[in-house]
Amino acid sequence: MPKTLFILNDPPYGTERSYNALRLAGSLSKREGEEVRVFLIGDAASCAKKDQKVPQGYYNAEVMLRNVGRHGGEIGVCATCMDARGIADTELTDTTHRSTLEELTNWVQWADRTLVF
């Protein structure tokens, strides 16, 4: 079974890197036999904040992450990056979890392919 790890660095809005990564992760997570994990590090930690309000017709990173999670994808958020940005565990969307560099290291070893955005 192919295993793909996505590592996102950019904020949810202002650039399209995280948006494009989440589009691909969502599409891949829907495929039969695929395993997907997403790790949010640096400014990408903000992608996991729940209750995001965006203009009508604009994409929502929280919804995109939830879709990956609903299709069996695991989503970790760097704890150090969360702390640096004042993001509490209670502010994370339901399909994500506070994570560590140790978990990311394990995920890199787990993955057949790693995509960095």
PDB file of N, CA and C in Angstrom:
ATOM      1  N   MET A   1       0.845  -1.181   0.000  1.00  0.00           N
ATOM      2  CA  MET A   1       0.000   0.000   0.000  1.00  0.00           C
ATOM      3  C   MET A   1       0.893   1.247   0.000  1.00  0.00           C
ATOM      4  N   PRO A   2       0.766   2.112  -0.997  1.00  0.00           N
ATOM      5  CA  PRO A   2       1.590   3.327  -1.068  1.00  0.00           C
ATOM      6  C   PRO A   2       1.302   4.273   0.102  1.00  0.00           C
ATOM      7  N   LYS A   3       2.371   4.842   0.670  1.00  0.00           N
ATOM      8  CA  LYS A   3       2.257   5.730   1.827  1.00  0.00           C
ATOM      9  C   LYS A   3       2.912   7.064   1.494  1.00  0.00           C
ATOM     10  N   THR A   4       2.125   8.140   1.605  1.00  0.00           N
ATOM     11  CA  THR A   4       2.618   9.475   1.253  1.00  0.00           C
ATOM     12  C   THR A   4       2.539  10.397   2.455  1.00  0.00           C
ATOM     13  N   LEU A   5       3.633  11.089   2.713  1.00  0.00           N
ATOM     14  CA  LEU A   5       3.705  12.099   3.757  1.00  0.00           C
ATOM     15  C   LEU A   5       3.793  13.469   3.109  1.00  0.00           C
ATOM     16  N   PHE A   6       2.930  14.367   3.547  1.00  0.00           N
ATOM     17  CA  PHE A   6       2.955  15.769   3.113  1.00  0.00           C
ATOM     18  C   PHE A   6       3.465  16.596   4.285  1.00  0.00           C
ATOM     19  N   ILE A   7       4.480  17.411   4.045  1.00  0.00           N
ATOM     20  CA  ILE A   7       4.981  18.335   5.058  1.00  0.00           C
ATOM     21  C   ILE A   7       4.700  19.744   4.549  1.00  0.00           C
ATOM     22  N   LEU A   8       3.862  20.461   5.295  1.00  0.00           N
ATOM     23  CA  LEU A   8       3.475  21.819   4.899  1.00  0.00           C
ATOM     24  C   LEU A   8       4.163  22.826   5.802  1.00  0.00           C
ATOM     25  N   ASN A   9       4.684  23.897   5.209  1.00  0.00           N
ATOM     26  CA  ASN A   9       5.393  24.949   5.935  1.00  0.00           C
ATOM     27  C   ASN A   9       4.698  26.308   5.891  1.00  0.00           C
ATOM     28  N   ASP A  10       3.930  26.570   4.847  1.00  0.00           N
ATOM     29  CA  ASP A  10       3.365  27.903   4.625  1.00  0.00           C
ATOM     30  C   ASP A  10       2.032  28.097   5.347  1.00  0.00           C
ATOM     31  N   PRO A  11       1.659  29.354   5.594  1.00  0.00           N
ATOM     32  CA  PRO A  11       0.387  29.644   6.248  1.00  0.00           C
ATOM     33  C   PRO A  11      -0.792  29.210   5.369  1.00  0.00           C
ATOM     34  N   PRO A  12      -1.967  29.093   5.968  1.00  0.00           N
ATOM     35  CA  PRO A  12      -3.130  28.639   5.193  1.00  0.00           C
ATOM     36  C   PRO A  12      -3.568  29.628   4.116  1.00  0.00           C
ATOM     37  N   TYR A  13      -3.313  30.890   4.330  1.00  0.00           N
ATOM     38  CA  TYR A  13      -3.760  31.917   3.387  1.00  0.00           C
ATOM     39  C   TYR A  13      -2.606  32.876   3.102  1.00  0.00           C
ATOM     40  N   GLY A  14      -2.653  33.520   1.954  1.00  0.00           N
ATOM     41  CA  GLY A  14      -1.607  34.465   1.573  1.00  0.00           C
ATOM     42  C   GLY A  14      -0.686  33.901   0.503  1.00  0.00           C
ATOM     43  N   THR A  15      -0.529  32.591   0.493  1.00  0.00           N
ATOM     44  CA  THR A  15       0.159  31.894  -0.590  1.00  0.00           C
ATOM     45  C   THR A  15      -0.721  30.706  -0.949  1.00  0.00           C
ATOM     46  N   GLU A  16      -0.411  30.023  -2.013  1.00  0.00           N
ATOM     47  CA  GLU A  16      -1.236  28.874  -2.402  1.00  0.00           C
ATOM     48  C   GLU A  16      -0.544  27.541  -2.161  1.00  0.00           C
ATOM     49  N   ARG A  17       0.625  27.562  -1.527  1.00  0.00           N
ATOM     50  CA  ARG A  17       1.361  26.312  -1.313  1.00  0.00           C
ATOM     51  C   ARG A  17       0.595  25.335  -0.423  1.00  0.00           C
ATOM     52  N   SER A  18       0.108  25.783   0.721  1.00  0.00           N
ATOM     53  CA  SER A  18      -0.642  24.882   1.606  1.00  0.00           C
ATOM     54  C   SER A  18      -1.955  24.465   0.952  1.00  0.00           C
ATOM     55  N   TYR A  19      -2.592  25.397   0.273  1.00  0.00           N
ATOM     56  CA  TYR A  19      -3.831  25.084  -0.449  1.00  0.00           C
ATOM     57  C   TYR A  19      -3.595  23.964  -1.462  1.00  0.00           C
ATOM     58  N   ASN A  20      -2.554  24.082  -2.269  1.00  0.00           N
ATOM     59  CA  ASN A  20      -2.277  23.063  -3.274  1.00  0.00           C
ATOM     60  C   ASN A  20      -1.880  21.731  -2.640  1.00  0.00           C
ATOM     61  N   ALA A  21      -1.128  21.782  -1.560  1.00  0.00           N
ATOM     62  CA  ALA A  21      -0.764  20.551  -0.854  1.00  0.00           C
ATOM     63  C   ALA A  21      -2.012  19.857  -0.309  1.00  0.00           C
ATOM     64  N   LEU A  22      -2.924  20.628   0.261  1.00  0.00           N
ATOM     65  CA  LEU A  22      -4.151  20.041   0.820  1.00  0.00           C
ATOM     66  C   LEU A  22      -5.074  19.523  -0.277  1.00  0.00           C
ATOM     67  N   ARG A  23      -5.072  20.173  -1.413  1.00  0.00           N
ATOM     68  CA  ARG A  23      -5.841  19.656  -2.553  1.00  0.00           C
ATOM     69  C   ARG A  23      -5.321  18.283  -2.948  1.00  0.00           C
ATOM     70  N   LEU A  24      -4.011  18.166  -3.084  1.00  0.00           N
ATOM     71  CA  LEU A  24      -3.414  16.897  -3.486  1.00  0.00           C
ATOM     72  C   LEU A  24      -3.584  15.836  -2.401  1.00  0.00           C
ATOM     73  N   ALA A  25      -3.369  16.197  -1.150  1.00  0.00           N
ATOM     74  CA  ALA A  25      -3.546  15.242  -0.048  1.00  0.00           C
ATOM     75  C   ALA A  25      -4.984  14.741   0.007  1.00  0.00           C
ATOM     76  N   GLY A  26      -5.936  15.640  -0.191  1.00  0.00           N
ATOM     77  CA  GLY A  26      -7.348  15.243  -0.191  1.00  0.00           C
ATOM     78  C   GLY A  26      -7.674  14.308  -1.330  1.00  0.00           C
ATOM     79  N   SER A  27      -7.166  14.610  -2.494  1.00  0.00           N
ATOM     80  CA  SER A  27      -7.412  13.763  -3.662  1.00  0.00           C
ATOM     81  C   SER A  27      -6.788  12.386  -3.479  1.00  0.00           C
ATOM     82  N   LEU A  28      -5.563  12.359  -2.996  1.00  0.00           N
ATOM     83  CA  LEU A  28      -4.864  11.090  -2.800  1.00  0.00           C
ATOM     84  C   LEU A  28      -5.515  10.252  -1.701  1.00  0.00           C
ATOM     85  N   SER A  29      -5.989  10.917  -0.645  1.00  0.00           N
ATOM     86  CA  SER A  29      -6.594  10.178   0.474  1.00  0.00           C
ATOM     87  C   SER A  29      -7.880   9.460   0.070  1.00  0.00           C
ATOM     88  N   LYS A  30      -8.510   9.905  -1.001  1.00  0.00           N
ATOM     89  CA  LYS A  30      -9.744   9.269  -1.484  1.00  0.00           C
ATOM     90  C   LYS A  30      -9.472   8.019  -2.314  1.00  0.00           C
ATOM     91  N   ARG A  31      -8.234   7.831  -2.729  1.00  0.00           N
ATOM     92  CA  ARG A  31      -7.887   6.701  -3.599  1.00  0.00           C
ATOM     93  C   ARG A  31      -7.795   5.411  -2.799  1.00  0.00           C
ATOM     94  N   GLU A  32      -8.318   4.364  -3.379  1.00  0.00           N
ATOM     95  CA  GLU A  32      -8.269   3.035  -2.779  1.00  0.00           C
ATOM     96  C   GLU A  32      -6.818   2.612  -2.572  1.00  0.00           C
ATOM     97  N   GLY A  33      -6.493   2.139  -1.372  1.00  0.00           N
ATOM     98  CA  GLY A  33      -5.171   1.600  -1.099  1.00  0.00           C
ATOM     99  C   GLY A  33      -4.094   2.622  -0.774  1.00  0.00           C
ATOM    100  N   GLU A  34      -4.433   3.879  -0.716  1.00  0.00           N
ATOM    101  CA  GLU A  34      -3.459   4.928  -0.404  1.00  0.00           C
ATOM    102  C   GLU A  34      -3.516   5.283   1.083  1.00  0.00           C
ATOM    103  N   GLU A  35      -2.371   5.512   1.672  1.00  0.00           N
ATOM    104  CA  GLU A  35      -2.292   6.021   3.040  1.00  0.00           C
ATOM    105  C   GLU A  35      -1.643   7.398   2.994  1.00  0.00           C
ATOM    106  N   VAL A  36      -2.257   8.341   3.701  1.00  0.00           N
ATOM    107  CA  VAL A  36      -1.784   9.727   3.667  1.00  0.00           C
ATOM    108  C   VAL A  36      -1.606  10.243   5.088  1.00  0.00           C
ATOM    109  N   ARG A  37      -0.509  10.926   5.288  1.00  0.00           N
ATOM    110  CA  ARG A  37      -0.277  11.657   6.533  1.00  0.00           C
ATOM    111  C   ARG A  37       0.166  13.062   6.172  1.00  0.00           C
ATOM    112  N   VAL A  38      -0.267  14.028   6.990  1.00  0.00           N
ATOM    113  CA  VAL A  38       0.059  15.437   6.775  1.00  0.00           C
ATOM    114  C   VAL A  38       0.668  15.971   8.061  1.00  0.00           C
ATOM    115  N   PHE A  39       1.812  16.641   7.936  1.00  0.00           N
ATOM    116  CA  PHE A  39       2.439  17.267   9.100  1.00  0.00           C
ATOM    117  C   PHE A  39       2.523  18.762   8.843  1.00  0.00           C
ATOM    118  N   LEU A  40       1.970  19.537   9.769  1.00  0.00           N
ATOM    119  CA  LEU A  40       1.941  20.996   9.667  1.00  0.00           C
ATOM    120  C   LEU A  40       3.019  21.575  10.565  1.00  0.00           C
ATOM    121  N   ILE A  41       3.954  22.286   9.962  1.00  0.00           N
ATOM    122  CA  ILE A  41       5.089  22.828  10.699  1.00  0.00           C
ATOM    123  C   ILE A  41       5.244  24.309  10.333  1.00  0.00           C
ATOM    124  N   GLY A  42       5.843  25.081  11.210  1.00  0.00           N
ATOM    125  CA  GLY A  42       6.009  26.513  10.953  1.00  0.00           C
ATOM    126  C   GLY A  42       4.647  27.191  10.856  1.00  0.00           C
ATOM    127  N   ASP A  43       4.532  28.115   9.910  1.00  0.00           N
ATOM    128  CA  ASP A  43       3.277  28.850   9.749  1.00  0.00           C
ATOM    129  C   ASP A  43       2.107  27.966   9.331  1.00  0.00           C
ATOM    130  N   ALA A  44       2.387  26.771   8.825  1.00  0.00           N
ATOM    131  CA  ALA A  44       1.310  25.857   8.432  1.00  0.00           C
ATOM    132  C   ALA A  44       0.516  25.357   9.636  1.00  0.00           C
ATOM    133  N   ALA A  45       1.060  25.503  10.841  1.00  0.00           N
ATOM    134  CA  ALA A  45       0.310  25.104  12.042  1.00  0.00           C
ATOM    135  C   ALA A  45      -1.043  25.819  12.091  1.00  0.00           C
ATOM    136  N   SER A  46      -1.103  27.015  11.553  1.00  0.00           N
ATOM    137  CA  SER A  46      -2.358  27.787  11.551  1.00  0.00           C
ATOM    138  C   SER A  46      -3.431  27.162  10.661  1.00  0.00           C
ATOM    139  N   CYS A  47      -3.052  26.279   9.752  1.00  0.00           N
ATOM    140  CA  CYS A  47      -4.039  25.584   8.915  1.00  0.00           C
ATOM    141  C   CYS A  47      -5.007  24.776   9.770  1.00  0.00           C
ATOM    142  N   ALA A  48      -4.560  24.336  10.943  1.00  0.00           N
ATOM    143  CA  ALA A  48      -5.351  23.429  11.778  1.00  0.00           C
ATOM    144  C   ALA A  48      -6.276  24.132  12.764  1.00  0.00           C
ATOM    145  N   LYS A  49      -6.292  25.467  12.756  1.00  0.00           N
ATOM    146  CA  LYS A  49      -7.186  26.169  13.682  1.00  0.00           C
ATOM    147  C   LYS A  49      -8.639  25.928  13.308  1.00  0.00           C
ATOM    148  N   LYS A  50      -9.452  25.605  14.313  1.00  0.00           N
ATOM    149  CA  LYS A  50     -10.867  25.369  14.043  1.00  0.00           C
ATOM    150  C   LYS A  50     -11.634  26.689  13.968  1.00  0.00           C
ATOM    151  N   ASP A  51     -12.823  26.591  13.381  1.00  0.00           N
ATOM    152  CA  ASP A  51     -13.745  27.727  13.244  1.00  0.00           C
ATOM    153  C   ASP A  51     -13.172  28.859  12.383  1.00  0.00           C
ATOM    154  N   GLN A  52     -12.478  28.489  11.301  1.00  0.00           N
ATOM    155  CA  GLN A  52     -11.943  29.500  10.396  1.00  0.00           C
ATOM    156  C   GLN A  52     -13.090  30.178   9.640  1.00  0.00           C
ATOM    157  N   LYS A  53     -13.004  31.479   9.538  1.00  0.00           N
ATOM    158  CA  LYS A  53     -13.988  32.266   8.795  1.00  0.00           C
ATOM    159  C   LYS A  53     -13.293  32.837   7.559  1.00  0.00           C
ATOM    160  N   VAL A  54     -13.799  32.467   6.405  1.00  0.00           N
ATOM    161  CA  VAL A  54     -13.220  32.958   5.150  1.00  0.00           C
ATOM    162  C   VAL A  54     -14.333  33.569   4.307  1.00  0.00           C
ATOM    163  N   PRO A  55     -13.984  34.442   3.370  1.00  0.00           N
ATOM    164  CA  PRO A  55     -14.996  35.032   2.499  1.00  0.00           C
ATOM    165  C   PRO A  55     -15.733  33.957   1.706  1.00  0.00           C
ATOM    166  N   GLN A  56     -17.000  34.212   1.423  1.00  0.00           N
ATOM    167  CA  GLN A  56     -17.798  33.271   0.639  1.00  0.00           C
ATOM    168  C   GLN A  56     -17.115  33.007  -0.700  1.00  0.00           C
ATOM    169  N   GLY A  57     -17.062  31.736  -1.073  1.00  0.00           N
ATOM    170  CA  GLY A  57     -16.443  31.350  -2.327  1.00  0.00           C
ATOM    171  C   GLY A  57     -14.941  31.104  -2.233  1.00  0.00           C
ATOM    172  N   TYR A  58     -14.355  31.317  -1.050  1.00  0.00           N
ATOM    173  CA  TYR A  58     -12.924  31.136  -0.841  1.00  0.00           C
ATOM    174  C   TYR A  58     -12.696  29.791  -0.173  1.00  0.00           C
ATOM    175  N   TYR A  59     -11.589  29.142  -0.471  1.00  0.00           N
ATOM    176  CA  TYR A  59     -11.307  27.839   0.154  1.00  0.00           C
ATOM    177  C   TYR A  59     -11.091  28.000   1.655  1.00  0.00           C
ATOM    178  N   ASN A  60     -11.285  26.897   2.382  1.00  0.00           N
ATOM    179  CA  ASN A  60     -11.135  26.882   3.832  1.00  0.00           C
ATOM    180  C   ASN A  60     -10.182  25.737   4.188  1.00  0.00           C
ATOM    181  N   ALA A  61      -9.004  26.065   4.704  1.00  0.00           N
ATOM    182  CA  ALA A  61      -7.991  25.056   5.028  1.00  0.00           C
ATOM    183  C   ALA A  61      -8.503  24.068   6.073  1.00  0.00           C
ATOM    184  N   GLU A  62      -9.283  24.527   7.015  1.00  0.00           N
ATOM    185  CA  GLU A  62      -9.845  23.638   8.042  1.00  0.00           C
ATOM    186  C   GLU A  62     -10.715  22.560   7.408  1.00  0.00           C
ATOM    187  N   VAL A  63     -11.575  22.949   6.492  1.00  0.00           N
ATOM    188  CA  VAL A  63     -12.454  21.999   5.804  1.00  0.00           C
ATOM    189  C   VAL A  63     -11.620  21.011   4.982  1.00  0.00           C
ATOM    190  N   MET A  64     -10.582  21.517   4.336  1.00  0.00           N
ATOM    191  CA  MET A  64      -9.735  20.644   3.525  1.00  0.00           C
ATOM    192  C   MET A  64      -9.020  19.612   4.390  1.00  0.00           C
ATOM    193  N   LEU A  65      -8.542  20.018   5.563  1.00  0.00           N
ATOM    194  CA  LEU A  65      -7.905  19.075   6.480  1.00  0.00           C
ATOM    195  C   LEU A  65      -8.914  18.047   6.997  1.00  0.00           C
ATOM    196  N   ARG A  66     -10.103  18.514   7.301  1.00  0.00           N
ATOM    197  CA  ARG A  66     -11.147  17.601   7.777  1.00  0.00           C
ATOM    198  C   ARG A  66     -11.440  16.526   6.727  1.00  0.00           C
ATOM    199  N   ASN A  67     -11.433  16.900   5.459  1.00  0.00           N
ATOM    200  CA  ASN A  67     -11.671  15.928   4.383  1.00  0.00           C
ATOM    201  C   ASN A  67     -10.577  14.867   4.346  1.00  0.00           C
ATOM    202  N   VAL A  68      -9.327  15.273   4.522  1.00  0.00           N
ATOM    203  CA  VAL A  68      -8.229  14.302   4.568  1.00  0.00           C
ATOM    204  C   VAL A  68      -8.436  13.353   5.744  1.00  0.00           C
ATOM    205  N   GLY A  69      -8.765  13.905   6.898  1.00  0.00           N
ATOM    206  CA  GLY A  69      -8.992  13.089   8.089  1.00  0.00           C
ATOM    207  C   GLY A  69     -10.157  12.130   7.945  1.00  0.00           C
ATOM    208  N   ARG A  70     -11.216  12.571   7.306  1.00  0.00           N
ATOM    209  CA  ARG A  70     -12.391  11.709   7.104  1.00  0.00           C
ATOM    210  C   ARG A  70     -12.096  10.521   6.204  1.00  0.00           C
ATOM    211  N   HIS A  71     -11.090  10.660   5.356  1.00  0.00           N
ATOM    212  CA  HIS A  71     -10.718   9.563   4.461  1.00  0.00           C
ATOM    213  C   HIS A  71      -9.553   8.755   5.021  1.00  0.00           C
ATOM    214  N   GLY A  72      -9.335   8.848   6.322  1.00  0.00           N
ATOM    215  CA  GLY A  72      -8.336   8.015   6.980  1.00  0.00           C
ATOM    216  C   GLY A  72      -6.956   8.618   7.119  1.00  0.00           C
ATOM    217  N   GLY A  73      -6.763   9.842   6.640  1.00  0.00           N
ATOM    218  CA  GLY A  73      -5.457  10.482   6.767  1.00  0.00           C
ATOM    219  C   GLY A  73      -5.192  10.931   8.191  1.00  0.00           C
ATOM    220  N   GLU A  74      -3.931  10.882   8.592  1.00  0.00           N
ATOM    221  CA  GLU A  74      -3.518  11.376   9.907  1.00  0.00           C
ATOM    222  C   GLU A  74      -2.899  12.750   9.724  1.00  0.00           C
ATOM    223  N   ILE A  75      -3.177  13.653  10.677  1.00  0.00           N
ATOM    224  CA  ILE A  75      -2.685  15.022  10.561  1.00  0.00           C
ATOM    225  C   ILE A  75      -2.078  15.443  11.888  1.00  0.00           C
ATOM    226  N   GLY A  76      -0.774  15.705  11.864  1.00  0.00           N
ATOM    227  CA  GLY A  76      -0.068  16.175  13.051  1.00  0.00           C
ATOM    228  C   GLY A  76       0.298  17.637  12.913  1.00  0.00           C
ATOM    229  N   VAL A  77       0.298  18.323  14.050  1.00  0.00           N
ATOM    230  CA  VAL A  77       0.653  19.745  14.073  1.00  0.00           C
ATOM    231  C   VAL A  77       1.823  19.910  15.040  1.00  0.00           C
ATOM    232  N   CYS A  78       2.892  20.513  14.576  1.00  0.00           N
ATOM    233  CA  CYS A  78       4.088  20.702  15.384  1.00  0.00           C
ATOM    234  C   CYS A  78       3.760  21.461  16.673  1.00  0.00           C
ATOM    235  N   ALA A  79       4.041  20.838  17.821  1.00  0.00           N
ATOM    236  CA  ALA A  79       3.739  21.442  19.117  1.00  0.00           C
ATOM    237  C   ALA A  79       4.550  22.714  19.353  1.00  0.00           C
ATOM    238  N   THR A  80       5.819  22.701  18.990  1.00  0.00           N
ATOM    239  CA  THR A  80       6.670  23.875  19.164  1.00  0.00           C
ATOM    240  C   THR A  80       6.141  25.046  18.342  1.00  0.00           C
ATOM    241  N   CYS A  81       5.701  24.744  17.117  1.00  0.00           N
ATOM    242  CA  CYS A  81       5.157  25.777  16.236  1.00  0.00           C
ATOM    243  C   CYS A  81       3.820  26.300  16.759  1.00  0.00           C
ATOM    244  N   MET A  82       3.016  25.408  17.321  1.00  0.00           N
ATOM    245  CA  MET A  82       1.761  25.831  17.937  1.00  0.00           C
ATOM    246  C   MET A  82       2.042  26.793  19.084  1.00  0.00           C
ATOM    247  N   ASP A  83       2.955  26.413  19.956  1.00  0.00           N
ATOM    248  CA  ASP A  83       3.287  27.249  21.115  1.00  0.00           C
ATOM    249  C   ASP A  83       3.814  28.609  20.683  1.00  0.00           C
ATOM    250  N   ALA A  84       4.661  28.631  19.658  1.00  0.00           N
ATOM    251  CA  ALA A  84       5.243  29.890  19.181  1.00  0.00           C
ATOM    252  C   ALA A  84       4.178  30.825  18.619  1.00  0.00           C
ATOM    253  N   ARG A  85       3.065  30.248  18.170  1.00  0.00           N
ATOM    254  CA  ARG A  85       1.995  31.044  17.569  1.00  0.00           C
ATOM    255  C   ARG A  85       0.786  31.198  18.493  1.00  0.00           C
ATOM    256  N   GLY A  86       0.913  30.724  19.711  1.00  0.00           N
ATOM    257  CA  GLY A  86      -0.163  30.860  20.689  1.00  0.00           C
ATOM    258  C   GLY A  86      -1.393  30.027  20.375  1.00  0.00           C
ATOM    259  N   ILE A  87      -1.209  28.889  19.707  1.00  0.00           N
ATOM    260  CA  ILE A  87      -2.327  28.013  19.362  1.00  0.00           C
ATOM    261  C   ILE A  87      -2.452  26.934  20.439  1.00  0.00           C
ATOM    262  N   ALA A  88      -3.569  26.917  21.131  1.00  0.00           N
ATOM    263  CA  ALA A  88      -3.813  25.920  22.181  1.00  0.00           C
ATOM    264  C   ALA A  88      -4.371  24.640  21.574  1.00  0.00           C
ATOM    265  N   ASP A  89      -4.192  23.534  22.278  1.00  0.00           N
ATOM    266  CA  ASP A  89      -4.721  22.245  21.814  1.00  0.00           C
ATOM    267  C   ASP A  89      -6.221  22.326  21.543  1.00  0.00           C
ATOM    268  N   THR A  90      -6.936  23.079  22.362  1.00  0.00           N
ATOM    269  CA  THR A  90      -8.390  23.202  22.225  1.00  0.00           C
ATOM    270  C   THR A  90      -8.800  23.967  20.968  1.00  0.00           C
ATOM    271  N   GLU A  91      -7.848  24.650  20.338  1.00  0.00           N
ATOM    272  CA  GLU A  91      -8.133  25.414  19.122  1.00  0.00           C
ATOM    273  C   GLU A  91      -7.930  24.598  17.846  1.00  0.00           C
ATOM    274  N   LEU A  92      -7.472  23.348  17.972  1.00  0.00           N
ATOM    275  CA  LEU A  92      -7.231  22.522  16.799  1.00  0.00           C
ATOM    276  C   LEU A  92      -8.526  21.908  16.287  1.00  0.00           C
ATOM    277  N   THR A  93      -8.627  21.809  14.977  1.00  0.00           N
ATOM    278  CA  THR A  93      -9.776  21.156  14.367  1.00  0.00           C
ATOM    279  C   THR A  93      -9.771  19.674  14.752  1.00  0.00           C
ATOM    280  N   ASP A  94     -10.929  19.058  14.705  1.00  0.00           N
ATOM    281  CA  ASP A  94     -11.112  17.711  15.255  1.00  0.00           C
ATOM    282  C   ASP A  94     -10.330  16.602  14.558  1.00  0.00           C
ATOM    283  N   THR A  95      -9.831  16.798  13.363  1.00  0.00           N
ATOM    284  CA  THR A  95      -9.110  15.722  12.671  1.00  0.00           C
ATOM    285  C   THR A  95      -7.596  15.852  12.818  1.00  0.00           C
ATOM    286  N   THR A  96      -7.141  16.797  13.646  1.00  0.00           N
ATOM    287  CA  THR A  96      -5.708  17.017  13.818  1.00  0.00           C
ATOM    288  C   THR A  96      -5.309  16.750  15.266  1.00  0.00           C
ATOM    289  N   HIS A  97      -4.005  16.593  15.485  1.00  0.00           N
ATOM    290  CA  HIS A  97      -3.517  16.421  16.850  1.00  0.00           C
ATOM    291  C   HIS A  97      -2.168  17.107  17.034  1.00  0.00           C
ATOM    292  N   ARG A  98      -1.909  17.510  18.280  1.00  0.00           N
ATOM    293  CA  ARG A  98      -0.620  18.090  18.660  1.00  0.00           C
ATOM    294  C   ARG A  98       0.440  17.015  18.467  1.00  0.00           C
ATOM    295  N   SER A  99       1.512  17.366  17.800  1.00  0.00           N
ATOM    296  CA  SER A  99       2.513  16.371  17.453  1.00  0.00           C
ATOM    297  C   SER A  99       3.913  16.869  17.807  1.00  0.00           C
ATOM    298  N   THR A 100       4.901  16.063  17.453  1.00  0.00           N
ATOM    299  CA  THR A 100       6.283  16.357  17.819  1.00  0.00           C
ATOM    300  C   THR A 100       7.217  16.091  16.639  1.00  0.00           C
ATOM    301  N   LEU A 101       8.429  16.568  16.769  1.00  0.00           N
ATOM    302  CA  LEU A 101       9.442  16.269  15.771  1.00  0.00           C
ATOM    303  C   LEU A 101       9.741  14.769  15.759  1.00  0.00           C
ATOM    304  N   GLU A 102       9.630  14.130  16.902  1.00  0.00           N
ATOM    305  CA  GLU A 102       9.836  12.682  16.980  1.00  0.00           C
ATOM    306  C   GLU A 102       8.799  11.941  16.128  1.00  0.00           C
ATOM    307  N   GLU A 103       7.547  12.367  16.204  1.00  0.00           N
ATOM    308  CA  GLU A 103       6.521  11.737  15.367  1.00  0.00           C
ATOM    309  C   GLU A 103       6.798  12.009  13.890  1.00  0.00           C
ATOM    310  N   LEU A 104       7.194  13.231  13.550  1.00  0.00           N
ATOM    311  CA  LEU A 104       7.530  13.533  12.160  1.00  0.00           C
ATOM    312  C   LEU A 104       8.674  12.635  11.684  1.00  0.00           C
ATOM    313  N   THR A 105       9.667  12.444  12.520  1.00  0.00           N
ATOM    314  CA  THR A 105      10.784  11.564  12.176  1.00  0.00           C
ATOM    315  C   THR A 105      10.291  10.156  11.882  1.00  0.00           C
ATOM    316  N   ASN A 106       9.389   9.645  12.720  1.00  0.00           N
ATOM    317  CA  ASN A 106       8.803   8.317  12.498  1.00  0.00           C
ATOM    318  C   ASN A 106       8.019   8.278  11.190  1.00  0.00           C
ATOM    319  N   TRP A 107       7.286   9.343  10.909  1.00  0.00           N
ATOM    320  CA  TRP A 107       6.486   9.394   9.693  1.00  0.00           C
ATOM    321  C   TRP A 107       7.372   9.434   8.452  1.00  0.00           C
ATOM    322  N   VAL A 108       8.508  10.124   8.522  1.00  0.00           N
ATOM    323  CA  VAL A 108       9.426  10.153   7.386  1.00  0.00           C
ATOM    324  C   VAL A 108       9.927   8.743   7.096  1.00  0.00           C
ATOM    325  N   GLN A 109      10.233   7.987   8.140  1.00  0.00           N
ATOM    326  CA  GLN A 109      10.684   6.609   7.948  1.00  0.00           C
ATOM    327  C   GLN A 109       9.557   5.716   7.438  1.00  0.00           C
ATOM    328  N   TRP A 110       8.329   6.000   7.820  1.00  0.00           N
ATOM    329  CA  TRP A 110       7.154   5.236   7.402  1.00  0.00           C
ATOM    330  C   TRP A 110       6.847   5.428   5.922  1.00  0.00           C
ATOM    331  N   ALA A 111       7.056   6.642   5.420  1.00  0.00           N
ATOM    332  CA  ALA A 111       6.592   7.034   4.089  1.00  0.00           C
ATOM    333  C   ALA A 111       7.410   6.418   2.957  1.00  0.00           C
ATOM    334  N   ASP A 112       6.693   6.077   1.886  1.00  0.00           N
ATOM    335  CA  ASP A 112       7.352   5.696   0.632  1.00  0.00           C
ATOM    336  C   ASP A 112       7.793   6.937  -0.132  1.00  0.00           C
ATOM    337  N   ARG A 113       7.025   8.011   0.036  1.00  0.00           N
ATOM    338  CA  ARG A 113       7.348   9.270  -0.625  1.00  0.00           C
ATOM    339  C   ARG A 113       6.952  10.418   0.308  1.00  0.00           C
ATOM    340  N   THR A 114       7.776  11.454   0.285  1.00  0.00           N
ATOM    341  CA  THR A 114       7.547  12.632   1.126  1.00  0.00           C
ATOM    342  C   THR A 114       7.515  13.851   0.216  1.00  0.00           C
ATOM    343  N   LEU A 115       6.436  14.607   0.303  1.00  0.00           N
ATOM    344  CA  LEU A 115       6.261  15.822  -0.486  1.00  0.00           C
ATOM    345  C   LEU A 115       6.295  17.013   0.459  1.00  0.00           C
ATOM    346  N   VAL A 116       7.130  17.979   0.155  1.00  0.00           N
ATOM    347  CA  VAL A 116       7.288  19.153   1.017  1.00  0.00           C
ATOM    348  C   VAL A 116       6.779  20.378   0.279  1.00  0.00           C
ATOM    349  N   PHE A 117       5.861  21.081   0.928  1.00  0.00           N
ATOM    350  CA  PHE A 117       5.280  22.293   0.363  1.00  0.00           C
ATOM    351  C   PHE A 117       5.591  23.470   1.290  1.00  0.00           C
TER     352      PHE A 117
END
